[in-house]
Amino acid sequence: MLSALPAEASVRAVQEIERRWAPWCFETREEAEAVTPTLSEPLLERALEEVPVWPVHALGARLVSVGREDEARALVLRWAGSSAGYRADALLRLGEALPPGRRPVEEVRALFEELAPEERCNRVKEHPSASVALLGDEAALRIADGCVEPSGSYARTGALARLAGALPESMRAEAARRAVLAFEAGGHDADALGDLCGAAPWMSPADAARLLSASLLDASGTPSLAGVFQGWASVAQLAGLFRRAGGEETVLAAAEEVALAGRWLHRVG
């Protein structure tokens, strides 16, 4: 609730949190990320020794905010020492918050060398902007596109689609194009459709139109008139593809058809 509280109430809430502090008071990562930025320095010191492993990203970011960058880097490496994937995840989260000259670039690149292609792709998918910042534009795109196993088609599509919004403008269309190709090569995996729609602004109109044809209704798996209008693989979800394929006129035309169908259903009902 902290982010939604007025300033005075937020101060009182933080005081109550500190009064009731216990080493394992964070039950979820979300709670840790909400509360950790408000911790006083004495309580931050206690948290560094007492909390479980999963708030490590929030604690690292808090250390960075008070100028303790080296401690933040050491913290995530200490807590995440058992898994290259977890260390890469932690350093990507932390690294983007650091000034460019202080980012753990070499550590992240070395950790990526230890990961399987699908794991690398998933790291990029989860942290697209951080991957661009620490690995570089070309490397992030190459890693995302390098997951070619059948089981990796979902991760590949999602990583490329998310990168389309994180890469420099000159590279976004290429990332979106590769995302569409990955989606098609993977048999139009419906689970990847949400990420793919996010890349619609950088697709070619022809790719967007082809995706509309392949996805509208069919990807949802629930053939119904209501399913055409809303929910997964619906007109509502695919609105960005309508816009990219045919401009605002296409979106308006689709909206008019929905309204017409709605009036017809009302009369029939």
C-alpha atoms as a PDB file:
ATOM      1  CA  MET A   1       0.000   0.000   0.000  1.00  0.00           C
ATOM      2  CA  LEU A   2       2.968   2.335   0.479  1.00  0.00           C
ATOM      3  CA  SER A   3       2.990   3.715  -3.043  1.00  0.00           C
ATOM      4  CA  ALA A   4      -0.708   4.600  -2.857  1.00  0.00           C
ATOM      5  CA  LEU A   5      -0.666   6.271   0.582  1.00  0.00           C
ATOM      6  CA  PRO A   6      -0.503  10.054   1.094  1.00  0.00           C
ATOM      7  CA  ALA A   7       2.865  11.295   2.345  1.00  0.00           C
ATOM      8  CA  GLU A   8       1.907  11.612   6.014  1.00  0.00           C
ATOM      9  CA  ALA A   9       0.244   8.209   6.117  1.00  0.00           C
ATOM     10  CA  SER A  10       3.222   6.676   4.292  1.00  0.00           C
ATOM     11  CA  VAL A  11       5.585   7.983   6.977  1.00  0.00           C
ATOM     12  CA  ARG A  12       3.442   6.418   9.700  1.00  0.00           C
ATOM     13  CA  ALA A  13       3.305   3.128   7.788  1.00  0.00           C
ATOM     14  CA  VAL A  14       7.102   3.041   7.502  1.00  0.00           C
ATOM     15  CA  GLN A  15       7.438   3.740  11.212  1.00  0.00           C
ATOM     16  CA  GLU A  16       5.094   0.832  11.952  1.00  0.00           C
ATOM     17  CA  ILE A  17       7.050  -1.447   9.626  1.00  0.00           C
ATOM     18  CA  GLU A  18      10.265  -0.540  11.427  1.00  0.00           C
ATOM     19  CA  ARG A  19       8.662  -0.999  14.842  1.00  0.00           C
ATOM     20  CA  ARG A  20       7.477  -4.500  13.916  1.00  0.00           C
ATOM     21  CA  TRP A  21      10.596  -5.457  11.972  1.00  0.00           C
ATOM     22  CA  ALA A  22      11.496  -9.137  11.935  1.00  0.00           C
ATOM     23  CA  PRO A  23      14.178 -10.850   9.828  1.00  0.00           C
ATOM     24  CA  TRP A  24      11.648 -12.743   7.690  1.00  0.00           C
ATOM     25  CA  CYS A  25       8.966 -10.071   7.434  1.00  0.00           C
ATOM     26  CA  PHE A  26       8.994  -9.980   3.630  1.00  0.00           C
ATOM     27  CA  GLU A  27       6.712 -12.708   2.318  1.00  0.00           C
ATOM     28  CA  THR A  28       7.103 -11.863  -1.361  1.00  0.00           C
ATOM     29  CA  ARG A  29       9.602 -10.150  -3.623  1.00  0.00           C
ATOM     30  CA  GLU A  30       6.992  -7.477  -4.340  1.00  0.00           C
ATOM     31  CA  GLU A  31       6.760  -6.611  -0.650  1.00  0.00           C
ATOM     32  CA  ALA A  32      10.536  -6.374  -0.414  1.00  0.00           C
ATOM     33  CA  GLU A  33      10.711  -4.060  -3.423  1.00  0.00           C
ATOM     34  CA  ALA A  34       7.984  -1.826  -1.965  1.00  0.00           C
ATOM     35  CA  VAL A  35       9.412  -1.536   1.551  1.00  0.00           C
ATOM     36  CA  THR A  36      13.194  -1.665   1.079  1.00  0.00           C
ATOM     37  CA  PRO A  37      13.539   1.850  -0.435  1.00  0.00           C
ATOM     38  CA  THR A  38      12.018   3.275   2.785  1.00  0.00           C
ATOM     39  CA  LEU A  39      14.330   1.511   5.259  1.00  0.00           C
ATOM     40  CA  SER A  40      16.453   3.654   7.556  1.00  0.00           C
ATOM     41  CA  GLU A  41      20.179   2.993   7.354  1.00  0.00           C
ATOM     42  CA  PRO A  42      20.319   1.113  10.706  1.00  0.00           C
ATOM     43  CA  LEU A  43      17.499  -1.155   9.579  1.00  0.00           C
ATOM     44  CA  LEU A  44      19.160  -1.586   6.196  1.00  0.00           C
ATOM     45  CA  GLU A  45      22.247  -2.876   8.005  1.00  0.00           C
ATOM     46  CA  ARG A  46      20.129  -5.436   9.846  1.00  0.00           C
ATOM     47  CA  ALA A  47      18.371  -6.450   6.649  1.00  0.00           C
ATOM     48  CA  LEU A  48      21.683  -7.169   4.931  1.00  0.00           C
ATOM     49  CA  GLU A  49      22.403  -9.889   7.472  1.00  0.00           C
ATOM     50  CA  GLU A  50      18.943 -11.214   8.257  1.00  0.00           C
ATOM     51  CA  VAL A  51      16.710 -11.368   5.203  1.00  0.00           C
ATOM     52  CA  PRO A  52      16.250 -14.436   2.954  1.00  0.00           C
ATOM     53  CA  VAL A  53      17.679 -14.560  -0.521  1.00  0.00           C
ATOM     54  CA  TRP A  54      14.861 -13.278  -2.722  1.00  0.00           C
ATOM     55  CA  PRO A  55      14.863  -9.573  -1.704  1.00  0.00           C
ATOM     56  CA  VAL A  56      18.518  -9.317  -2.750  1.00  0.00           C
ATOM     57  CA  HIS A  57      17.692  -7.196  -5.818  1.00  0.00           C
ATOM     58  CA  ALA A  58      15.754  -4.661  -3.749  1.00  0.00           C
ATOM     59  CA  LEU A  59      18.498  -4.470  -1.136  1.00  0.00           C
ATOM     60  CA  GLY A  60      21.113  -4.035  -3.854  1.00  0.00           C
ATOM     61  CA  ALA A  61      19.153  -1.169  -5.383  1.00  0.00           C
ATOM     62  CA  ARG A  62      18.826   0.445  -1.934  1.00  0.00           C
ATOM     63  CA  LEU A  63      22.604   0.248  -1.418  1.00  0.00           C
ATOM     64  CA  VAL A  64      23.148   1.874  -4.805  1.00  0.00           C
ATOM     65  CA  SER A  65      20.769   4.695  -3.835  1.00  0.00           C
ATOM     66  CA  VAL A  66      22.962   5.564  -0.830  1.00  0.00           C
ATOM     67  CA  GLY A  67      26.194   5.359  -2.809  1.00  0.00           C
ATOM     68  CA  ARG A  68      27.348   1.910  -1.692  1.00  0.00           C
ATOM     69  CA  GLU A  69      27.767   0.404  -5.148  1.00  0.00           C
ATOM     70  CA  ASP A  70      30.601  -2.018  -4.390  1.00  0.00           C
ATOM     71  CA  GLU A  71      28.638  -3.478  -1.475  1.00  0.00           C
ATOM     72  CA  ALA A  72      25.596  -3.891  -3.719  1.00  0.00           C
ATOM     73  CA  ARG A  73      27.602  -5.869  -6.253  1.00  0.00           C
ATOM     74  CA  ALA A  74      29.161  -8.037  -3.550  1.00  0.00           C
ATOM     75  CA  LEU A  75      25.743  -8.624  -1.995  1.00  0.00           C
ATOM     76  CA  VAL A  76      24.101 -10.075  -5.077  1.00  0.00           C
ATOM     77  CA  LEU A  77      27.092 -12.267  -5.806  1.00  0.00           C
ATOM     78  CA  ARG A  78      27.211 -13.556  -2.224  1.00  0.00           C
ATOM     79  CA  TRP A  79      23.525 -14.451  -2.082  1.00  0.00           C
ATOM     80  CA  ALA A  80      23.368 -15.871  -5.588  1.00  0.00           C
ATOM     81  CA  GLY A  81      26.567 -17.887  -5.559  1.00  0.00           C
ATOM     82  CA  SER A  82      24.980 -21.263  -6.254  1.00  0.00           C
ATOM     83  CA  SER A  83      23.474 -20.529  -9.665  1.00  0.00           C
ATOM     84  CA  ALA A  84      24.886 -18.773 -12.716  1.00  0.00           C
ATOM     85  CA  GLY A  85      21.343 -18.048 -13.885  1.00  0.00           C
ATOM     86  CA  TYR A  86      20.352 -16.413 -10.619  1.00  0.00           C
ATOM     87  CA  ARG A  87      23.580 -14.397 -10.467  1.00  0.00           C
ATOM     88  CA  ALA A  88      23.010 -13.175 -14.026  1.00  0.00           C
ATOM     89  CA  ASP A  89      19.440 -12.240 -13.149  1.00  0.00           C
ATOM     90  CA  ALA A  90      20.558 -10.384 -10.015  1.00  0.00           C
ATOM     91  CA  LEU A  91      23.378  -8.495 -11.716  1.00  0.00           C
ATOM     92  CA  LEU A  92      21.174  -7.478 -14.637  1.00  0.00           C
ATOM     93  CA  ARG A  93      18.632  -6.024 -12.204  1.00  0.00           C
ATOM     94  CA  LEU A  94      21.333  -4.220 -10.281  1.00  0.00           C
ATOM     95  CA  GLY A  95      23.557  -3.214 -13.185  1.00  0.00           C
ATOM     96  CA  GLU A  96      20.997  -1.086 -14.985  1.00  0.00           C
ATOM     97  CA  ALA A  97      20.676   1.122 -11.886  1.00  0.00           C
ATOM     98  CA  LEU A  98      24.429   1.817 -11.771  1.00  0.00           C
ATOM     99  CA  PRO A  99      26.220   4.566 -13.715  1.00  0.00           C
ATOM    100  CA  PRO A 100      27.547   3.247 -17.063  1.00  0.00           C
ATOM    101  CA  GLY A 101      31.156   3.135 -15.884  1.00  0.00           C
ATOM    102  CA  ARG A 102      30.265   1.155 -12.766  1.00  0.00           C
ATOM    103  CA  ARG A 103      28.108  -1.561 -14.271  1.00  0.00           C
ATOM    104  CA  PRO A 104      29.163  -5.227 -13.818  1.00  0.00           C
ATOM    105  CA  VAL A 105      29.546  -5.742 -17.551  1.00  0.00           C
ATOM    106  CA  GLU A 106      32.340  -8.314 -17.461  1.00  0.00           C
ATOM    107  CA  GLU A 107      30.678 -10.340 -14.691  1.00  0.00           C
ATOM    108  CA  VAL A 108      27.391 -10.507 -16.597  1.00  0.00           C
ATOM    109  CA  ARG A 109      29.058 -11.489 -19.870  1.00  0.00           C
ATOM    110  CA  ALA A 110      31.049 -14.222 -18.144  1.00  0.00           C
ATOM    111  CA  LEU A 111      27.918 -15.590 -16.479  1.00  0.00           C
ATOM    112  CA  PHE A 112      26.069 -15.648 -19.803  1.00  0.00           C
ATOM    113  CA  GLU A 113      28.843 -17.869 -21.186  1.00  0.00           C
ATOM    114  CA  GLU A 114      27.929 -20.450 -18.519  1.00  0.00           C
ATOM    115  CA  LEU A 115      24.263 -20.566 -19.471  1.00  0.00           C
ATOM    116  CA  ALA A 116      22.507 -22.718 -22.049  1.00  0.00           C
ATOM    117  CA  PRO A 117      21.034 -20.824 -25.049  1.00  0.00           C
ATOM    118  CA  GLU A 118      17.496 -21.029 -23.705  1.00  0.00           C
ATOM    119  CA  GLU A 119      18.591 -19.715 -20.293  1.00  0.00           C
ATOM    120  CA  ARG A 120      20.390 -16.793 -21.936  1.00  0.00           C
ATOM    121  CA  CYS A 121      17.316 -16.046 -23.980  1.00  0.00           C
ATOM    122  CA  ASN A 122      15.121 -16.094 -20.882  1.00  0.00           C
ATOM    123  CA  ARG A 123      17.433 -13.645 -19.091  1.00  0.00           C
ATOM    124  CA  VAL A 124      17.127 -11.247 -22.032  1.00  0.00           C
ATOM    125  CA  LYS A 125      13.369 -11.756 -22.103  1.00  0.00           C
ATOM    126  CA  GLU A 126      13.040 -10.898 -18.405  1.00  0.00           C
ATOM    127  CA  HIS A 127      15.440  -7.939 -18.538  1.00  0.00           C
ATOM    128  CA  PRO A 128      15.456  -6.501 -22.071  1.00  0.00           C
ATOM    129  CA  SER A 129      16.609  -2.956 -21.286  1.00  0.00           C
ATOM    130  CA  ALA A 130      19.228  -4.142 -18.782  1.00  0.00           C
ATOM    131  CA  SER A 131      20.500  -6.693 -21.317  1.00  0.00           C
ATOM    132  CA  VAL A 132      20.946  -3.945 -23.886  1.00  0.00           C
ATOM    133  CA  ALA A 133      22.696  -1.745 -21.307  1.00  0.00           C
ATOM    134  CA  LEU A 134      25.136  -4.411 -20.069  1.00  0.00           C
ATOM    135  CA  LEU A 135      25.583  -6.782 -23.000  1.00  0.00           C
ATOM    136  CA  GLY A 136      25.269  -4.295 -25.839  1.00  0.00           C
ATOM    137  CA  ASP A 137      22.713  -3.901 -28.633  1.00  0.00           C
ATOM    138  CA  GLU A 138      24.057  -6.499 -31.052  1.00  0.00           C
ATOM    139  CA  ALA A 139      24.867  -9.069 -28.372  1.00  0.00           C
ATOM    140  CA  ALA A 140      21.403  -8.834 -26.789  1.00  0.00           C
ATOM    141  CA  LEU A 141      19.750  -9.293 -30.186  1.00  0.00           C
ATOM    142  CA  ARG A 142      22.048 -12.201 -31.070  1.00  0.00           C
ATOM    143  CA  ILE A 143      21.367 -13.962 -27.758  1.00  0.00           C
ATOM    144  CA  ALA A 144      17.606 -13.548 -28.088  1.00  0.00           C
ATOM    145  CA  ASP A 145      17.657 -14.883 -31.635  1.00  0.00           C
ATOM    146  CA  GLY A 146      20.020 -17.734 -30.800  1.00  0.00           C
ATOM    147  CA  CYS A 147      17.525 -19.950 -28.993  1.00  0.00           C
ATOM    148  CA  VAL A 148      16.557 -22.283 -31.824  1.00  0.00           C
ATOM    149  CA  GLU A 149      15.498 -25.443 -30.005  1.00  0.00           C
ATOM    150  CA  PRO A 150      11.782 -26.302 -30.371  1.00  0.00           C
ATOM    151  CA  SER A 151      11.313 -25.828 -26.642  1.00  0.00           C
ATOM    152  CA  GLY A 152      12.805 -22.352 -26.919  1.00  0.00           C
ATOM    153  CA  SER A 153      10.410 -20.877 -29.472  1.00  0.00           C
ATOM    154  CA  TYR A 154       8.282 -19.196 -26.810  1.00  0.00           C
ATOM    155  CA  ALA A 155      11.308 -17.655 -25.076  1.00  0.00           C
ATOM    156  CA  ARG A 156      12.812 -16.567 -28.397  1.00  0.00           C
ATOM    157  CA  THR A 157       9.634 -14.875 -29.576  1.00  0.00           C
ATOM    158  CA  GLY A 158       9.105 -13.103 -26.257  1.00  0.00           C
ATOM    159  CA  ALA A 159      12.722 -11.971 -25.934  1.00  0.00           C
ATOM    160  CA  LEU A 160      12.836 -10.545 -29.455  1.00  0.00           C
ATOM    161  CA  ALA A 161       9.471  -8.841 -29.050  1.00  0.00           C
ATOM    162  CA  ARG A 162      10.480  -7.213 -25.774  1.00  0.00           C
ATOM    163  CA  LEU A 163      13.829  -6.161 -27.182  1.00  0.00           C
ATOM    164  CA  ALA A 164      12.009  -4.283 -29.923  1.00  0.00           C
ATOM    165  CA  GLY A 165      11.060  -1.674 -27.334  1.00  0.00           C
ATOM    166  CA  ALA A 166      14.486  -1.575 -25.642  1.00  0.00           C
ATOM    167  CA  LEU A 167      16.882  -1.387 -28.567  1.00  0.00           C
ATOM    168  CA  PRO A 168      17.864   1.848 -30.330  1.00  0.00           C
ATOM    169  CA  GLU A 169      15.245   3.004 -32.815  1.00  0.00           C
ATOM    170  CA  SER A 170      17.338   1.912 -35.789  1.00  0.00           C
ATOM    171  CA  MET A 171      17.261  -1.743 -34.613  1.00  0.00           C
ATOM    172  CA  ARG A 172      13.674  -2.071 -33.461  1.00  0.00           C
ATOM    173  CA  ALA A 173      12.156  -3.045 -36.801  1.00  0.00           C
ATOM    174  CA  GLU A 174      14.700  -5.868 -37.180  1.00  0.00           C
ATOM    175  CA  ALA A 175      13.917  -7.220 -33.697  1.00  0.00           C
ATOM    176  CA  ALA A 176      10.186  -7.110 -34.451  1.00  0.00           C
ATOM    177  CA  ARG A 177      10.722  -8.873 -37.789  1.00  0.00           C
ATOM    178  CA  ARG A 178      12.702 -11.654 -36.110  1.00  0.00           C
ATOM    179  CA  ALA A 179      10.034 -11.958 -33.407  1.00  0.00           C
ATOM    180  CA  VAL A 180       7.383 -12.548 -36.059  1.00  0.00           C
ATOM    181  CA  LEU A 181       9.557 -15.161 -37.766  1.00  0.00           C
ATOM    182  CA  ALA A 182      10.152 -16.913 -34.430  1.00  0.00           C
ATOM    183  CA  PHE A 183       6.413 -16.906 -33.722  1.00  0.00           C
ATOM    184  CA  GLU A 184       5.664 -18.475 -37.080  1.00  0.00           C
ATOM    185  CA  ALA A 185       8.508 -21.010 -36.810  1.00  0.00           C
ATOM    186  CA  GLY A 186       7.203 -22.045 -33.394  1.00  0.00           C
ATOM    187  CA  GLY A 187       3.746 -22.853 -34.727  1.00  0.00           C
ATOM    188  CA  HIS A 188       2.020 -19.650 -33.571  1.00  0.00           C
ATOM    189  CA  ASP A 189       2.438 -20.374 -29.864  1.00  0.00           C
ATOM    190  CA  ALA A 190      -0.524 -18.594 -28.298  1.00  0.00           C
ATOM    191  CA  ASP A 191       1.401 -17.961 -25.077  1.00  0.00           C
ATOM    192  CA  ALA A 192       3.812 -15.690 -26.960  1.00  0.00           C
ATOM    193  CA  LEU A 193       1.078 -13.551 -28.503  1.00  0.00           C
ATOM    194  CA  GLY A 194       0.921 -11.025 -25.666  1.00  0.00           C
ATOM    195  CA  ASP A 195       4.599 -10.099 -25.975  1.00  0.00           C
ATOM    196  CA  LEU A 196       4.368 -10.087 -29.746  1.00  0.00           C
ATOM    197  CA  CYS A 197       1.533  -7.548 -29.723  1.00  0.00           C
ATOM    198  CA  GLY A 198       3.789  -5.217 -27.767  1.00  0.00           C
ATOM    199  CA  ALA A 199       6.170  -5.114 -30.730  1.00  0.00           C
ATOM    200  CA  ALA A 200       3.425  -4.121 -33.200  1.00  0.00           C
ATOM    201  CA  PRO A 201       4.585  -0.481 -33.603  1.00  0.00           C
ATOM    202  CA  TRP A 202       7.870  -1.666 -35.169  1.00  0.00           C
ATOM    203  CA  MET A 203       6.495  -4.412 -37.434  1.00  0.00           C
ATOM    204  CA  SER A 204       6.014  -4.006 -41.130  1.00  0.00           C
ATOM    205  CA  PRO A 205       2.343  -3.573 -42.115  1.00  0.00           C
ATOM    206  CA  ALA A 206       2.522  -6.865 -44.023  1.00  0.00           C
ATOM    207  CA  ASP A 207       3.786  -8.762 -40.934  1.00  0.00           C
ATOM    208  CA  ALA A 208       1.082  -7.196 -38.781  1.00  0.00           C
ATOM    209  CA  ALA A 209      -1.622  -8.156 -41.279  1.00  0.00           C
ATOM    210  CA  ARG A 210      -0.301 -11.722 -41.483  1.00  0.00           C
ATOM    211  CA  LEU A 211      -0.347 -12.020 -37.706  1.00  0.00           C
ATOM    212  CA  LEU A 212      -3.913 -10.774 -37.577  1.00  0.00           C
ATOM    213  CA  SER A 213      -4.956 -13.396 -40.061  1.00  0.00           C
ATOM    214  CA  ALA A 214      -3.184 -16.162 -38.141  1.00  0.00           C
ATOM    215  CA  SER A 215      -4.118 -15.113 -34.624  1.00  0.00           C
ATOM    216  CA  LEU A 216      -7.559 -13.535 -34.455  1.00  0.00           C
ATOM    217  CA  LEU A 217      -9.762 -15.989 -32.591  1.00  0.00           C
ATOM    218  CA  ASP A 218      -7.732 -19.066 -33.559  1.00  0.00           C
ATOM    219  CA  ALA A 219      -4.993 -18.545 -30.949  1.00  0.00           C
ATOM    220  CA  SER A 220      -7.470 -18.200 -28.111  1.00  0.00           C
ATOM    221  CA  GLY A 221      -8.710 -21.766 -28.478  1.00  0.00           C
ATOM    222  CA  THR A 222     -12.266 -20.702 -27.576  1.00  0.00           C
ATOM    223  CA  PRO A 223     -14.217 -20.073 -30.790  1.00  0.00           C
ATOM    224  CA  SER A 224     -17.055 -17.748 -29.848  1.00  0.00           C
ATOM    225  CA  LEU A 225     -18.405 -14.355 -30.831  1.00  0.00           C
ATOM    226  CA  ALA A 226     -17.492 -12.960 -27.421  1.00  0.00           C
ATOM    227  CA  GLY A 227     -13.956 -14.293 -27.908  1.00  0.00           C
ATOM    228  CA  VAL A 228     -13.607 -12.250 -31.093  1.00  0.00           C
ATOM    229  CA  PHE A 229     -14.287  -9.065 -29.104  1.00  0.00           C
ATOM    230  CA  GLN A 230     -12.311  -9.429 -25.912  1.00  0.00           C
ATOM    231  CA  GLY A 231      -9.799 -11.651 -24.135  1.00  0.00           C
ATOM    232  CA  TRP A 232      -6.865 -13.533 -25.597  1.00  0.00           C
ATOM    233  CA  ALA A 233      -6.357 -13.213 -29.379  1.00  0.00           C
ATOM    234  CA  SER A 234      -9.328 -10.851 -29.595  1.00  0.00           C
ATOM    235  CA  VAL A 235      -9.939  -7.590 -31.427  1.00  0.00           C
ATOM    236  CA  ALA A 236      -9.139  -5.785 -28.173  1.00  0.00           C
ATOM    237  CA  GLN A 237      -5.765  -7.479 -27.690  1.00  0.00           C
ATOM    238  CA  LEU A 238      -4.797  -7.213 -31.342  1.00  0.00           C
ATOM    239  CA  ALA A 239      -5.722  -3.533 -31.689  1.00  0.00           C
ATOM    240  CA  GLY A 240      -2.054  -2.598 -32.093  1.00  0.00           C
ATOM    241  CA  LEU A 241      -1.750  -5.018 -35.007  1.00  0.00           C
ATOM    242  CA  PHE A 242      -4.863  -3.535 -36.617  1.00  0.00           C
ATOM    243  CA  ARG A 243      -3.304  -0.081 -36.308  1.00  0.00           C
ATOM    244  CA  ARG A 244       0.034  -1.184 -37.754  1.00  0.00           C
ATOM    245  CA  ALA A 245      -1.551  -3.138 -40.596  1.00  0.00           C
ATOM    246  CA  GLY A 246      -3.966  -0.460 -41.763  1.00  0.00           C
ATOM    247  CA  GLY A 247      -3.659   2.690 -39.682  1.00  0.00           C
ATOM    248  CA  GLU A 248      -6.260   4.382 -37.536  1.00  0.00           C
ATOM    249  CA  GLU A 249      -8.919   3.773 -40.184  1.00  0.00           C
ATOM    250  CA  THR A 250      -8.606   0.029 -39.695  1.00  0.00           C
ATOM    251  CA  VAL A 251      -8.962   0.352 -35.925  1.00  0.00           C
ATOM    252  CA  LEU A 252     -12.052   2.522 -36.358  1.00  0.00           C
ATOM    253  CA  ALA A 253     -13.539   0.090 -38.881  1.00  0.00           C
ATOM    254  CA  ALA A 254     -13.011  -2.818 -36.472  1.00  0.00           C
ATOM    255  CA  ALA A 255     -14.571  -0.805 -33.650  1.00  0.00           C
ATOM    256  CA  GLU A 256     -17.618  -0.028 -35.784  1.00  0.00           C
ATOM    257  CA  GLU A 257     -18.070  -3.715 -36.572  1.00  0.00           C
ATOM    258  CA  VAL A 258     -17.874  -4.560 -32.861  1.00  0.00           C
ATOM    259  CA  ALA A 259     -20.481  -1.900 -32.087  1.00  0.00           C
ATOM    260  CA  LEU A 260     -22.733  -3.198 -34.868  1.00  0.00           C
ATOM    261  CA  ALA A 261     -22.458  -6.753 -33.583  1.00  0.00           C
ATOM    262  CA  GLY A 262     -23.182  -5.550 -30.063  1.00  0.00           C
ATOM    263  CA  ARG A 263     -26.381  -3.836 -31.168  1.00  0.00           C
ATOM    264  CA  TRP A 264     -27.441  -6.948 -33.079  1.00  0.00           C
ATOM    265  CA  LEU A 265     -26.827  -9.152 -30.033  1.00  0.00           C
ATOM    266  CA  HIS A 266     -28.833  -6.776 -27.863  1.00  0.00           C
ATOM    267  CA  ARG A 267     -31.794  -6.988 -30.226  1.00  0.00           C
ATOM    268  CA  VAL A 268     -31.566 -10.770 -30.431  1.00  0.00           C
ATOM    269  CA  GLY A 269     -31.300 -11.102 -26.637  1.00  0.00           C
END
